Amino acid sequence: MFNKFPRLTVCLVVSLALMALAYIFRQSDPLIAVSLYKAHLMSLGGWGGYWLDRVAFPYGRPHVYCKDGVCEIQTDLDAAALNFASLRRAIIIAASLICVGLAA
């Protein structure tokens, strides 16, 4: 059932729920509203960073090995290739989170 939705759909739904809660609490308790809004921004930043990595590196997946234009999913990947792709993705997501956290 969940295979039909794009990746990280749950994260996007949680982000939208946090935004709605921040809107609801904006008059009663501004501190809670700001905290929920910041949590919404962090969730949205992580989601956006993940998709930015997927768009910027369409063939650079952590679980896929590409060589000479041929990509295949392997279970016995070279540890260096797996670590590089995972580290690259983590850096892009962290940079996105830092940008979102500092901007708003």
C-alpha atoms as a PDB file:
ATOM      1  CA  MET A   1       0.000   0.000   0.000  1.00  0.00           C
ATOM      2  CA  PHE A   2       2.746   2.490   0.906  1.00  0.00           C
ATOM      3  CA  ASN A   3       4.803   1.674  -2.194  1.00  0.00           C
ATOM      4  CA  LYS A   4       2.524   3.875  -4.313  1.00  0.00           C
ATOM      5  CA  PHE A   5       3.447   7.067  -2.444  1.00  0.00           C
ATOM      6  CA  PRO A   6       6.685   8.985  -3.080  1.00  0.00           C
ATOM      7  CA  ARG A   7       9.482   8.603  -0.583  1.00  0.00           C
ATOM      8  CA  LEU A   8       9.233  10.585   2.643  1.00  0.00           C
ATOM      9  CA  THR A   9       5.517  11.230   2.233  1.00  0.00           C
ATOM     10  CA  VAL A  10       5.091  10.688   5.974  1.00  0.00           C
ATOM     11  CA  CYS A  11       7.649  13.432   6.643  1.00  0.00           C
ATOM     12  CA  LEU A  12       5.739  15.838   4.415  1.00  0.00           C
ATOM     13  CA  VAL A  13       2.427  14.984   6.114  1.00  0.00           C
ATOM     14  CA  VAL A  14       4.002  15.534   9.551  1.00  0.00           C
ATOM     15  CA  SER A  15       5.364  18.870   8.335  1.00  0.00           C
ATOM     16  CA  LEU A  16       1.943  19.971   7.144  1.00  0.00           C
ATOM     17  CA  ALA A  17       0.376  18.841  10.433  1.00  0.00           C
ATOM     18  CA  LEU A  18       2.946  20.874  12.379  1.00  0.00           C
ATOM     19  CA  MET A  19       2.150  23.897  10.242  1.00  0.00           C
ATOM     20  CA  ALA A  20      -1.573  23.470  10.911  1.00  0.00           C
ATOM     21  CA  LEU A  21      -0.965  23.147  14.656  1.00  0.00           C
ATOM     22  CA  ALA A  22       1.205  26.273  14.622  1.00  0.00           C
ATOM     23  CA  TYR A  23      -1.628  28.125  12.903  1.00  0.00           C
ATOM     24  CA  ILE A  24      -4.141  26.879  15.478  1.00  0.00           C
ATOM     25  CA  PHE A  25      -1.957  27.885  18.462  1.00  0.00           C
ATOM     26  CA  ARG A  26      -0.892  31.275  17.066  1.00  0.00           C
ATOM     27  CA  GLN A  27      -3.308  33.294  19.246  1.00  0.00           C
ATOM     28  CA  SER A  28      -3.491  31.205  22.414  1.00  0.00           C
ATOM     29  CA  ASP A  29       0.220  30.608  23.050  1.00  0.00           C
ATOM     30  CA  PRO A  30       2.729  32.264  20.717  1.00  0.00           C
ATOM     31  CA  LEU A  31       5.692  30.330  22.157  1.00  0.00           C
ATOM     32  CA  ILE A  32       4.143  26.983  21.268  1.00  0.00           C
ATOM     33  CA  ALA A  33       3.183  28.328  17.846  1.00  0.00           C
ATOM     34  CA  VAL A  34       6.749  29.453  17.121  1.00  0.00           C
ATOM     35  CA  SER A  35       8.155  26.113  18.320  1.00  0.00           C
ATOM     36  CA  LEU A  36       5.746  24.187  16.107  1.00  0.00           C
ATOM     37  CA  TYR A  37       6.536  26.472  13.168  1.00  0.00           C
ATOM     38  CA  LYS A  38      10.278  25.881  13.618  1.00  0.00           C
ATOM     39  CA  ALA A  39       9.694  22.121  13.825  1.00  0.00           C
ATOM     40  CA  HIS A  40       7.681  22.418  10.611  1.00  0.00           C
ATOM     41  CA  LEU A  41      10.565  24.249   8.913  1.00  0.00           C
ATOM     42  CA  MET A  42      13.111  21.636  10.031  1.00  0.00           C
ATOM     43  CA  SER A  43      10.917  18.802   8.778  1.00  0.00           C
ATOM     44  CA  LEU A  44      10.383  20.576   5.476  1.00  0.00           C
ATOM     45  CA  GLY A  45      14.110  21.309   5.180  1.00  0.00           C
ATOM     46  CA  GLY A  46      15.016  17.644   5.632  1.00  0.00           C
ATOM     47  CA  TRP A  47      12.418  16.625   3.073  1.00  0.00           C
ATOM     48  CA  GLY A  48      13.647  19.221   0.602  1.00  0.00           C
ATOM     49  CA  GLY A  49      17.291  18.270   1.148  1.00  0.00           C
ATOM     50  CA  TYR A  50      16.558  14.623   0.401  1.00  0.00           C
ATOM     51  CA  TRP A  51      14.790  15.504  -2.843  1.00  0.00           C
ATOM     52  CA  LEU A  52      17.517  17.982  -3.763  1.00  0.00           C
ATOM     53  CA  ASP A  53      20.040  15.153  -3.505  1.00  0.00           C
ATOM     54  CA  ARG A  54      17.884  12.879  -5.647  1.00  0.00           C
ATOM     55  CA  VAL A  55      17.513  15.563  -8.323  1.00  0.00           C
ATOM     56  CA  ALA A  56      21.157  16.654  -8.297  1.00  0.00           C
ATOM     57  CA  PHE A  57      22.534  13.103  -8.427  1.00  0.00           C
ATOM     58  CA  PRO A  58      19.990  10.961 -10.296  1.00  0.00           C
ATOM     59  CA  TYR A  59      22.367   8.014 -10.633  1.00  0.00           C
ATOM     60  CA  GLY A  60      24.193   8.412  -7.333  1.00  0.00           C
ATOM     61  CA  ARG A  61      22.032   6.323  -5.023  1.00  0.00           C
ATOM     62  CA  PRO A  62      23.577   4.758  -1.917  1.00  0.00           C
ATOM     63  CA  HIS A  63      22.220   1.314  -2.828  1.00  0.00           C
ATOM     64  CA  VAL A  64      22.954   1.441  -6.595  1.00  0.00           C
ATOM     65  CA  TYR A  65      26.337   0.986  -8.200  1.00  0.00           C
ATOM     66  CA  CYS A  66      26.894   2.633 -11.604  1.00  0.00           C
ATOM     67  CA  LYS A  67      29.866   1.946 -13.809  1.00  0.00           C
ATOM     68  CA  ASP A  68      30.232   2.875 -17.498  1.00  0.00           C
ATOM     69  CA  GLY A  69      26.601   3.964 -17.748  1.00  0.00           C
ATOM     70  CA  VAL A  70      25.228   0.672 -16.408  1.00  0.00           C
ATOM     71  CA  CYS A  71      23.478   0.883 -13.039  1.00  0.00           C
ATOM     72  CA  GLU A  72      22.529  -2.134 -11.006  1.00  0.00           C
ATOM     73  CA  ILE A  73      21.360  -2.775  -7.473  1.00  0.00           C
ATOM     74  CA  GLN A  74      23.873  -4.886  -5.618  1.00  0.00           C
ATOM     75  CA  THR A  75      23.827  -6.343  -2.176  1.00  0.00           C
ATOM     76  CA  ASP A  76      27.607  -6.676  -1.914  1.00  0.00           C
ATOM     77  CA  LEU A  77      28.502  -3.067  -2.711  1.00  0.00           C
ATOM     78  CA  ASP A  78      31.969  -1.743  -2.230  1.00  0.00           C
ATOM     79  CA  ALA A  79      32.001  -0.106   1.195  1.00  0.00           C
ATOM     80  CA  ALA A  80      33.751   3.021  -0.119  1.00  0.00           C
ATOM     81  CA  ALA A  81      31.098   3.634  -2.808  1.00  0.00           C
ATOM     82  CA  LEU A  82      28.289   3.086  -0.330  1.00  0.00           C
ATOM     83  CA  ASN A  83      29.860   5.368   2.270  1.00  0.00           C
ATOM     84  CA  PHE A  84      30.522   8.129  -0.287  1.00  0.00           C
ATOM     85  CA  ALA A  85      26.927   8.200  -1.521  1.00  0.00           C
ATOM     86  CA  SER A  86      25.516   8.078   1.996  1.00  0.00           C
ATOM     87  CA  LEU A  87      27.904  10.765   3.224  1.00  0.00           C
ATOM     88  CA  ARG A  88      27.107  12.995   0.234  1.00  0.00           C
ATOM     89  CA  ARG A  89      23.387  12.667   0.911  1.00  0.00           C
ATOM     90  CA  ALA A  90      23.861  13.390   4.620  1.00  0.00           C
ATOM     91  CA  ILE A  91      25.900  16.516   3.858  1.00  0.00           C
ATOM     92  CA  ILE A  92      23.299  17.846   1.409  1.00  0.00           C
ATOM     93  CA  ILE A  93      20.449  17.233   3.867  1.00  0.00           C
ATOM     94  CA  ALA A  94      22.444  18.811   6.718  1.00  0.00           C
ATOM     95  CA  ALA A  95      23.205  21.870   4.569  1.00  0.00           C
ATOM     96  CA  SER A  96      19.530  22.174   3.723  1.00  0.00           C
ATOM     97  CA  LEU A  97      18.588  21.969   7.393  1.00  0.00           C
ATOM     98  CA  ILE A  98      21.164  24.617   8.291  1.00  0.00           C
ATOM     99  CA  CYS A  99      19.856  26.945   5.568  1.00  0.00           C
ATOM    100  CA  VAL A 100      16.271  26.538   6.718  1.00  0.00           C
ATOM    101  CA  GLY A 101      17.207  26.928  10.372  1.00  0.00           C
ATOM    102  CA  LEU A 102      19.201  30.109   9.831  1.00  0.00           C
ATOM    103  CA  ALA A 103      16.902  31.772   7.330  1.00  0.00           C
ATOM    104  CA  ALA A 104      13.632  31.932   9.211  1.00  0.00           C
END
